[in-house]
Amino acid sequence: MQRERTARLFMNNRSQAVRLPKEFEFSVSEVYVHREGEKIVLSPRPSSWHAYLAEGPVAPDDFMEGVEDLPLQERVI
């Protein structure tokens, strides 16, 4: 089991910032942040669409199951 580490919080102008220990350093310049209950979770933000599509979530094979196509529209030109 990994040893739990402590990170320092500090104020940067009017924003709160976190100083992460070296072993938690991100290799990107931006991260996503969201809450899970009382936890705040940081995850790397991909630097491009290519990186996002390569690393991002994958839709399950049945994600469109049960979705009906809309009827074709007749248009007058």
C-alpha atoms as a PDB file:
ATOM      1  CA  MET A   1       0.000   0.000   0.000  1.00  0.00           C
ATOM      2  CA  GLN A   2       1.284   3.462  -0.892  1.00  0.00           C
ATOM      3  CA  ARG A   3       2.150   5.876   1.858  1.00  0.00           C
ATOM      4  CA  GLU A   4      -0.306   8.757   2.102  1.00  0.00           C
ATOM      5  CA  ARG A   5       1.285  12.132   1.407  1.00  0.00           C
ATOM      6  CA  THR A   6       0.315  15.672   2.366  1.00  0.00           C
ATOM      7  CA  ALA A   7       0.102  18.594  -0.060  1.00  0.00           C
ATOM      8  CA  ARG A   8       0.349  22.250   0.923  1.00  0.00           C
ATOM      9  CA  LEU A   9      -2.440  24.730   0.221  1.00  0.00           C
ATOM     10  CA  PHE A  10      -1.624  28.382  -0.355  1.00  0.00           C
ATOM     11  CA  MET A  11      -3.222  31.523  -1.747  1.00  0.00           C
ATOM     12  CA  ASN A  12      -2.193  32.749  -5.197  1.00  0.00           C
ATOM     13  CA  ASN A  13      -3.734  36.207  -5.547  1.00  0.00           C
ATOM     14  CA  ARG A  14      -7.409  35.454  -4.772  1.00  0.00           C
ATOM     15  CA  SER A  15      -7.313  31.740  -5.684  1.00  0.00           C
ATOM     16  CA  GLN A  16      -6.416  28.768  -3.544  1.00  0.00           C
ATOM     17  CA  ALA A  17      -3.632  26.606  -4.996  1.00  0.00           C
ATOM     18  CA  VAL A  18      -2.114  23.227  -4.147  1.00  0.00           C
ATOM     19  CA  ARG A  19       1.599  22.455  -4.048  1.00  0.00           C
ATOM     20  CA  LEU A  20       1.886  18.764  -4.949  1.00  0.00           C
ATOM     21  CA  PRO A  21       4.754  16.520  -3.840  1.00  0.00           C
ATOM     22  CA  LYS A  22       7.243  15.754  -6.645  1.00  0.00           C
ATOM     23  CA  GLU A  23       6.000  12.183  -7.208  1.00  0.00           C
ATOM     24  CA  PHE A  24       2.505  13.521  -8.041  1.00  0.00           C
ATOM     25  CA  GLU A  25       3.753  16.006 -10.653  1.00  0.00           C
ATOM     26  CA  PHE A  26       1.631  16.147 -13.827  1.00  0.00           C
ATOM     27  CA  SER A  27       3.233  16.041 -17.290  1.00  0.00           C
ATOM     28  CA  VAL A  28       0.591  18.445 -18.683  1.00  0.00           C
ATOM     29  CA  SER A  29      -0.029  22.158 -18.120  1.00  0.00           C
ATOM     30  CA  GLU A  30      -3.758  21.850 -17.279  1.00  0.00           C
ATOM     31  CA  VAL A  31      -5.872  19.390 -15.282  1.00  0.00           C
ATOM     32  CA  TYR A  32      -9.574  18.684 -14.958  1.00  0.00           C
ATOM     33  CA  VAL A  33     -10.986  19.125 -11.450  1.00  0.00           C
ATOM     34  CA  HIS A  34     -14.219  17.669 -10.037  1.00  0.00           C
ATOM     35  CA  ARG A  35     -15.740  16.627  -6.723  1.00  0.00           C
ATOM     36  CA  GLU A  36     -16.550  13.104  -5.600  1.00  0.00           C
ATOM     37  CA  GLY A  37     -18.359  13.642  -2.312  1.00  0.00           C
ATOM     38  CA  GLU A  38     -15.847  15.326   0.009  1.00  0.00           C
ATOM     39  CA  LYS A  39     -12.903  14.561  -2.310  1.00  0.00           C
ATOM     40  CA  ILE A  40     -11.516  16.867  -4.981  1.00  0.00           C
ATOM     41  CA  VAL A  41     -10.067  14.884  -7.886  1.00  0.00           C
ATOM     42  CA  LEU A  42      -7.492  16.168 -10.387  1.00  0.00           C
ATOM     43  CA  SER A  43      -6.896  14.373 -13.694  1.00  0.00           C
ATOM     44  CA  PRO A  44      -4.723  15.311 -16.684  1.00  0.00           C
ATOM     45  CA  ARG A  45      -6.368  17.336 -19.432  1.00  0.00           C
ATOM     46  CA  PRO A  46      -5.255  15.957 -22.820  1.00  0.00           C
ATOM     47  CA  SER A  47      -3.267  18.486 -24.847  1.00  0.00           C
ATOM     48  CA  SER A  48      -5.154  17.798 -28.109  1.00  0.00           C
ATOM     49  CA  TRP A  49      -8.203  16.051 -29.537  1.00  0.00           C
ATOM     50  CA  HIS A  50      -5.897  13.315 -30.819  1.00  0.00           C
ATOM     51  CA  ALA A  51      -4.604  12.688 -27.280  1.00  0.00           C
ATOM     52  CA  TYR A  52      -8.152  12.799 -25.857  1.00  0.00           C
ATOM     53  CA  LEU A  53      -9.484  10.296 -28.383  1.00  0.00           C
ATOM     54  CA  ALA A  54      -6.496   8.001 -27.794  1.00  0.00           C
ATOM     55  CA  GLU A  55      -6.793   8.129 -23.979  1.00  0.00           C
ATOM     56  CA  GLY A  56     -10.371   9.221 -23.320  1.00  0.00           C
ATOM     57  CA  PRO A  57     -13.463   7.210 -22.470  1.00  0.00           C
ATOM     58  CA  VAL A  58     -14.695   4.570 -24.920  1.00  0.00           C
ATOM     59  CA  ALA A  59     -18.413   4.180 -25.602  1.00  0.00           C
ATOM     60  CA  PRO A  60     -19.751   0.655 -25.035  1.00  0.00           C
ATOM     61  CA  ASP A  61     -20.771  -1.330 -28.129  1.00  0.00           C
ATOM     62  CA  ASP A  62     -24.484  -1.023 -27.239  1.00  0.00           C
ATOM     63  CA  PHE A  63     -24.567   2.731 -26.512  1.00  0.00           C
ATOM     64  CA  MET A  64     -26.900   3.411 -29.486  1.00  0.00           C
ATOM     65  CA  GLU A  65     -29.110   0.389 -28.823  1.00  0.00           C
ATOM     66  CA  GLY A  66     -32.761   1.339 -28.648  1.00  0.00           C
ATOM     67  CA  VAL A  67     -32.264   4.749 -30.291  1.00  0.00           C
ATOM     68  CA  GLU A  68     -34.610   5.165 -33.239  1.00  0.00           C
ATOM     69  CA  ASP A  69     -33.692   7.140 -36.339  1.00  0.00           C
ATOM     70  CA  LEU A  70     -35.776  10.241 -36.958  1.00  0.00           C
ATOM     71  CA  PRO A  71     -38.020  10.125 -40.037  1.00  0.00           C
ATOM     72  CA  LEU A  72     -36.673  11.871 -43.141  1.00  0.00           C
ATOM     73  CA  GLN A  73     -37.874  15.431 -43.550  1.00  0.00           C
ATOM     74  CA  GLU A  74     -39.455  16.564 -46.783  1.00  0.00           C
ATOM     75  CA  ARG A  75     -38.146  19.938 -47.826  1.00  0.00           C
ATOM     76  CA  VAL A  76     -39.508  22.318 -50.401  1.00  0.00           C
ATOM     77  CA  ILE A  77     -36.900  24.269 -52.308  1.00  0.00           C
END
